[in-house]
Amino acid sequence: MVELRALNYAYVRELSRRRLLRQPLPQSYQPVQYDSLLLPGTVLHNQRLVTANGALFHDLRQPHAELCGYFSDLMRYRNQPVQLAHAIWQMFDDSKKGHKEIQHDHQYAYVSVSCSDTYFVVRLDRHPSTPTHAEREGYSNWQRQHVPVP
């Protein structure tokens, strides 16, 4: 499994770098930040994708921007979070117009990324997140099952 913390920080760096290349910066520019409180919902949506057996879909109940893709397309970067973050960014930049616009929208400054053996999910928001009780519980259960204890 991809180490999520490293992937999240690598994607934030990649997204920041790419946005800063697009000059001039808008007056409303906010630096991109990893939002650890957005991660529980991101991970849980990834798990819903896994149980859906092959169907990509967005969680329309949430007010976030969301980008989803098949990890199998990027499997060669499994243990390379920096290269994986770049490949995720590139895949969405080359994708449908809406995906590219979301990544380039400076107002989406809060980010989290989840990656399973099957899918990856990028969530972006305009403000810091507050996970619901169900997201905190579900994420805690997921961590107990998937994160190795040192």
C-alpha atoms as a PDB file:
ATOM      1  CA  MET A   1       0.000   0.000   0.000  1.00  0.00           C
ATOM      2  CA  VAL A   2       1.164   3.537  -0.737  1.00  0.00           C
ATOM      3  CA  GLU A   3       2.266   5.493   2.342  1.00  0.00           C
ATOM      4  CA  LEU A   4      -0.503   8.121   2.519  1.00  0.00           C
ATOM      5  CA  ARG A   5       1.326  10.801   4.461  1.00  0.00           C
ATOM      6  CA  ALA A   6       4.195  10.884   1.967  1.00  0.00           C
ATOM      7  CA  LEU A   7       1.750  10.838  -0.970  1.00  0.00           C
ATOM      8  CA  ASN A   8      -0.295  13.699   0.480  1.00  0.00           C
ATOM      9  CA  TYR A   9       2.740  15.912   1.029  1.00  0.00           C
ATOM     10  CA  ALA A  10       4.108  15.068  -2.420  1.00  0.00           C
ATOM     11  CA  TYR A  11       0.782  15.928  -4.097  1.00  0.00           C
ATOM     12  CA  VAL A  12       0.589  19.222  -2.185  1.00  0.00           C
ATOM     13  CA  ARG A  13       4.107  20.096  -3.382  1.00  0.00           C
ATOM     14  CA  GLU A  14       3.263  19.115  -6.971  1.00  0.00           C
ATOM     15  CA  LEU A  15      -0.023  21.032  -6.978  1.00  0.00           C
ATOM     16  CA  SER A  16       1.638  24.089  -5.406  1.00  0.00           C
ATOM     17  CA  ARG A  17       4.480  24.024  -7.905  1.00  0.00           C
ATOM     18  CA  ARG A  18       2.130  23.722 -10.868  1.00  0.00           C
ATOM     19  CA  ARG A  19      -0.152  26.491  -9.632  1.00  0.00           C
ATOM     20  CA  LEU A  20       2.758  28.839  -9.000  1.00  0.00           C
ATOM     21  CA  LEU A  21       3.907  28.354 -12.603  1.00  0.00           C
ATOM     22  CA  ARG A  22       0.652  29.919 -13.787  1.00  0.00           C
ATOM     23  CA  GLN A  23       1.361  33.608 -13.475  1.00  0.00           C
ATOM     24  CA  PRO A  24       0.130  36.087 -12.526  1.00  0.00           C
ATOM     25  CA  LEU A  25      -1.263  34.744  -9.296  1.00  0.00           C
ATOM     26  CA  PRO A  26      -4.751  35.948  -8.426  1.00  0.00           C
ATOM     27  CA  GLN A  27      -5.112  38.300  -5.458  1.00  0.00           C
ATOM     28  CA  SER A  28      -7.146  35.599  -3.737  1.00  0.00           C
ATOM     29  CA  TYR A  29      -4.272  33.087  -4.001  1.00  0.00           C
ATOM     30  CA  GLN A  30      -4.015  30.718  -1.048  1.00  0.00           C
ATOM     31  CA  PRO A  31      -1.111  28.294  -0.670  1.00  0.00           C
ATOM     32  CA  VAL A  32      -2.066  24.636  -1.032  1.00  0.00           C
ATOM     33  CA  GLN A  33      -2.193  22.736   2.250  1.00  0.00           C
ATOM     34  CA  TYR A  34      -2.595  19.110   3.216  1.00  0.00           C
ATOM     35  CA  ASP A  35      -5.837  18.907   5.218  1.00  0.00           C
ATOM     36  CA  SER A  36      -5.532  15.926   7.543  1.00  0.00           C
ATOM     37  CA  LEU A  37      -9.175  16.447   8.587  1.00  0.00           C
ATOM     38  CA  LEU A  38     -10.289  16.024   4.978  1.00  0.00           C
ATOM     39  CA  LEU A  39      -8.446  12.684   4.757  1.00  0.00           C
ATOM     40  CA  PRO A  40     -10.967  10.511   6.680  1.00  0.00           C
ATOM     41  CA  GLY A  41     -13.734  11.186   4.156  1.00  0.00           C
ATOM     42  CA  THR A  42     -11.290  10.771   1.275  1.00  0.00           C
ATOM     43  CA  VAL A  43     -10.160   7.364   2.543  1.00  0.00           C
ATOM     44  CA  LEU A  44     -13.727   6.235   3.177  1.00  0.00           C
ATOM     45  CA  HIS A  45     -14.833   7.239  -0.315  1.00  0.00           C
ATOM     46  CA  ASN A  46     -11.914   5.264  -1.720  1.00  0.00           C
ATOM     47  CA  GLN A  47     -13.160   2.255   0.264  1.00  0.00           C
ATOM     48  CA  ARG A  48     -16.673   2.739  -1.134  1.00  0.00           C
ATOM     49  CA  LEU A  49     -15.141   2.640  -4.624  1.00  0.00           C
ATOM     50  CA  VAL A  50     -13.366  -0.617  -3.749  1.00  0.00           C
ATOM     51  CA  THR A  51     -16.614  -2.239  -2.647  1.00  0.00           C
ATOM     52  CA  ALA A  52     -18.424  -0.971  -5.775  1.00  0.00           C
ATOM     53  CA  ASN A  53     -16.319  -3.370  -7.917  1.00  0.00           C
ATOM     54  CA  GLY A  54     -15.071  -1.322 -10.812  1.00  0.00           C
ATOM     55  CA  ALA A  55     -17.351   1.702 -10.899  1.00  0.00           C
ATOM     56  CA  LEU A  56     -15.867   5.171 -10.469  1.00  0.00           C
ATOM     57  CA  PHE A  57     -18.282   7.638  -8.906  1.00  0.00           C
ATOM     58  CA  HIS A  58     -18.176  10.823  -6.882  1.00  0.00           C
ATOM     59  CA  ASP A  59     -19.607  11.366  -3.429  1.00  0.00           C
ATOM     60  CA  LEU A  60     -22.230  13.941  -4.371  1.00  0.00           C
ATOM     61  CA  ARG A  61     -23.326  14.349  -0.749  1.00  0.00           C
ATOM     62  CA  GLN A  62     -20.112  16.211  -0.017  1.00  0.00           C
ATOM     63  CA  PRO A  63     -19.327  19.842  -0.894  1.00  0.00           C
ATOM     64  CA  HIS A  64     -15.768  19.020  -1.992  1.00  0.00           C
ATOM     65  CA  ALA A  65     -14.217  18.873  -5.409  1.00  0.00           C
ATOM     66  CA  GLU A  66     -13.236  15.273  -6.006  1.00  0.00           C
ATOM     67  CA  LEU A  67     -11.011  13.559  -8.561  1.00  0.00           C
ATOM     68  CA  CYS A  68     -11.026   9.753  -8.798  1.00  0.00           C
ATOM     69  CA  GLY A  69      -8.957   7.364 -10.876  1.00  0.00           C
ATOM     70  CA  TYR A  70      -7.774   3.775 -11.238  1.00  0.00           C
ATOM     71  CA  PHE A  71      -4.547   3.056  -9.388  1.00  0.00           C
ATOM     72  CA  SER A  72      -3.797   0.220 -11.805  1.00  0.00           C
ATOM     73  CA  ASP A  73      -2.969   2.912 -14.398  1.00  0.00           C
ATOM     74  CA  LEU A  74      -0.207   4.182 -12.079  1.00  0.00           C
ATOM     75  CA  MET A  75       0.877   0.969 -10.331  1.00  0.00           C
ATOM     76  CA  ARG A  76       4.484   1.410 -11.473  1.00  0.00           C
ATOM     77  CA  TYR A  77       4.755   4.328  -8.981  1.00  0.00           C
ATOM     78  CA  ARG A  78       3.510   2.277  -6.024  1.00  0.00           C
ATOM     79  CA  ASN A  79       6.545   2.920  -3.798  1.00  0.00           C
ATOM     80  CA  GLN A  80       7.421   6.313  -5.240  1.00  0.00           C
ATOM     81  CA  PRO A  81       5.132   8.959  -3.683  1.00  0.00           C
ATOM     82  CA  VAL A  82       6.722  11.909  -5.507  1.00  0.00           C
ATOM     83  CA  GLN A  83       6.390  10.244  -8.911  1.00  0.00           C
ATOM     84  CA  LEU A  84       2.882   9.031  -8.061  1.00  0.00           C
ATOM     85  CA  ALA A  85       1.810  12.543  -7.046  1.00  0.00           C
ATOM     86  CA  HIS A  86       3.183  13.888 -10.333  1.00  0.00           C
ATOM     87  CA  ALA A  87       1.419  11.141 -12.314  1.00  0.00           C
ATOM     88  CA  ILE A  88      -1.904  11.828 -10.555  1.00  0.00           C
ATOM     89  CA  TRP A  89      -1.571  15.539 -11.277  1.00  0.00           C
ATOM     90  CA  GLN A  90      -0.662  14.851 -14.906  1.00  0.00           C
ATOM     91  CA  MET A  91      -3.495  12.364 -15.415  1.00  0.00           C
ATOM     92  CA  PHE A  92      -6.067  14.918 -14.297  1.00  0.00           C
ATOM     93  CA  ASP A  93      -4.400  17.758 -16.169  1.00  0.00           C
ATOM     94  CA  ASP A  94      -4.654  15.687 -19.372  1.00  0.00           C
ATOM     95  CA  SER A  95      -8.195  14.581 -18.517  1.00  0.00           C
ATOM     96  CA  LYS A  96     -11.596  16.114 -18.989  1.00  0.00           C
ATOM     97  CA  LYS A  97     -11.737  19.876 -18.794  1.00  0.00           C
ATOM     98  CA  GLY A  98     -13.423  19.878 -15.374  1.00  0.00           C
ATOM     99  CA  HIS A  99     -10.594  17.914 -13.752  1.00  0.00           C
ATOM    100  CA  LYS A 100      -7.963  20.312 -15.070  1.00  0.00           C
ATOM    101  CA  GLU A 101      -9.952  23.330 -13.926  1.00  0.00           C
ATOM    102  CA  ILE A 102     -10.291  21.922 -10.418  1.00  0.00           C
ATOM    103  CA  GLN A 103      -6.552  21.367 -10.070  1.00  0.00           C
ATOM    104  CA  HIS A 104      -5.797  24.872 -11.335  1.00  0.00           C
ATOM    105  CA  ASP A 105      -8.434  26.604  -9.184  1.00  0.00           C
ATOM    106  CA  HIS A 106      -6.461  28.485  -6.518  1.00  0.00           C
ATOM    107  CA  GLN A 107      -9.503  28.616  -4.249  1.00  0.00           C
ATOM    108  CA  TYR A 108      -9.227  24.849  -3.670  1.00  0.00           C
ATOM    109  CA  ALA A 109      -6.386  25.226  -1.206  1.00  0.00           C
ATOM    110  CA  TYR A 110      -7.099  22.285   1.143  1.00  0.00           C
ATOM    111  CA  VAL A 111      -6.213  18.846  -0.168  1.00  0.00           C
ATOM    112  CA  SER A 112      -6.140  15.178   0.770  1.00  0.00           C
ATOM    113  CA  VAL A 113      -5.288  12.094  -1.268  1.00  0.00           C
ATOM    114  CA  SER A 114      -6.180   8.470  -0.641  1.00  0.00           C
ATOM    115  CA  CYS A 115      -4.800   5.507  -2.546  1.00  0.00           C
ATOM    116  CA  SER A 116      -5.795   1.856  -2.360  1.00  0.00           C
ATOM    117  CA  ASP A 117      -4.623  -1.055  -4.480  1.00  0.00           C
ATOM    118  CA  THR A 118      -7.446  -0.236  -6.898  1.00  0.00           C
ATOM    119  CA  TYR A 119      -8.230   3.503  -6.823  1.00  0.00           C
ATOM    120  CA  PHE A 120      -6.956   6.892  -5.840  1.00  0.00           C
ATOM    121  CA  VAL A 121      -9.100   9.792  -4.724  1.00  0.00           C
ATOM    122  CA  VAL A 122      -8.091  13.441  -4.494  1.00  0.00           C
ATOM    123  CA  ARG A 123     -10.354  15.769  -2.547  1.00  0.00           C
ATOM    124  CA  LEU A 124      -9.961  19.502  -2.617  1.00  0.00           C
ATOM    125  CA  ASP A 125     -11.857  22.091  -0.631  1.00  0.00           C
ATOM    126  CA  ARG A 126     -12.033  25.846  -0.280  1.00  0.00           C
ATOM    127  CA  HIS A 127     -11.836  25.784   3.517  1.00  0.00           C
ATOM    128  CA  PRO A 128     -10.456  23.494   6.218  1.00  0.00           C
ATOM    129  CA  SER A 129     -12.542  20.417   6.760  1.00  0.00           C
ATOM    130  CA  THR A 130     -14.375  19.084   9.779  1.00  0.00           C
ATOM    131  CA  PRO A 131     -14.995  15.347   9.526  1.00  0.00           C
ATOM    132  CA  THR A 132     -18.334  14.013  10.646  1.00  0.00           C
ATOM    133  CA  HIS A 133     -18.556  11.606  13.551  1.00  0.00           C
ATOM    134  CA  ALA A 134     -19.200   8.771  11.076  1.00  0.00           C
ATOM    135  CA  GLU A 135     -16.088   9.741   9.065  1.00  0.00           C
ATOM    136  CA  ARG A 136     -13.915   9.834  12.189  1.00  0.00           C
ATOM    137  CA  GLU A 137     -15.236   6.437  13.316  1.00  0.00           C
ATOM    138  CA  GLY A 138     -14.931   4.862   9.871  1.00  0.00           C
ATOM    139  CA  TYR A 139     -11.416   6.219   9.399  1.00  0.00           C
ATOM    140  CA  SER A 140     -10.360   4.996  12.822  1.00  0.00           C
ATOM    141  CA  ASN A 141     -11.640   1.511  11.949  1.00  0.00           C
ATOM    142  CA  TRP A 142      -9.844   1.641   8.590  1.00  0.00           C
ATOM    143  CA  GLN A 143      -6.587   2.672  10.283  1.00  0.00           C
ATOM    144  CA  ARG A 144      -6.769  -0.252  12.695  1.00  0.00           C
ATOM    145  CA  GLN A 145      -7.126  -2.619   9.730  1.00  0.00           C
ATOM    146  CA  HIS A 146      -4.632  -1.069   7.307  1.00  0.00           C
ATOM    147  CA  VAL A 147      -1.929   0.854   9.101  1.00  0.00           C
ATOM    148  CA  PRO A 148       0.887  -1.297  10.480  1.00  0.00           C
ATOM    149  CA  VAL A 149       1.538  -0.878  14.197  1.00  0.00           C
ATOM    150  CA  PRO A 150       5.221  -0.057  14.906  1.00  0.00           C
END
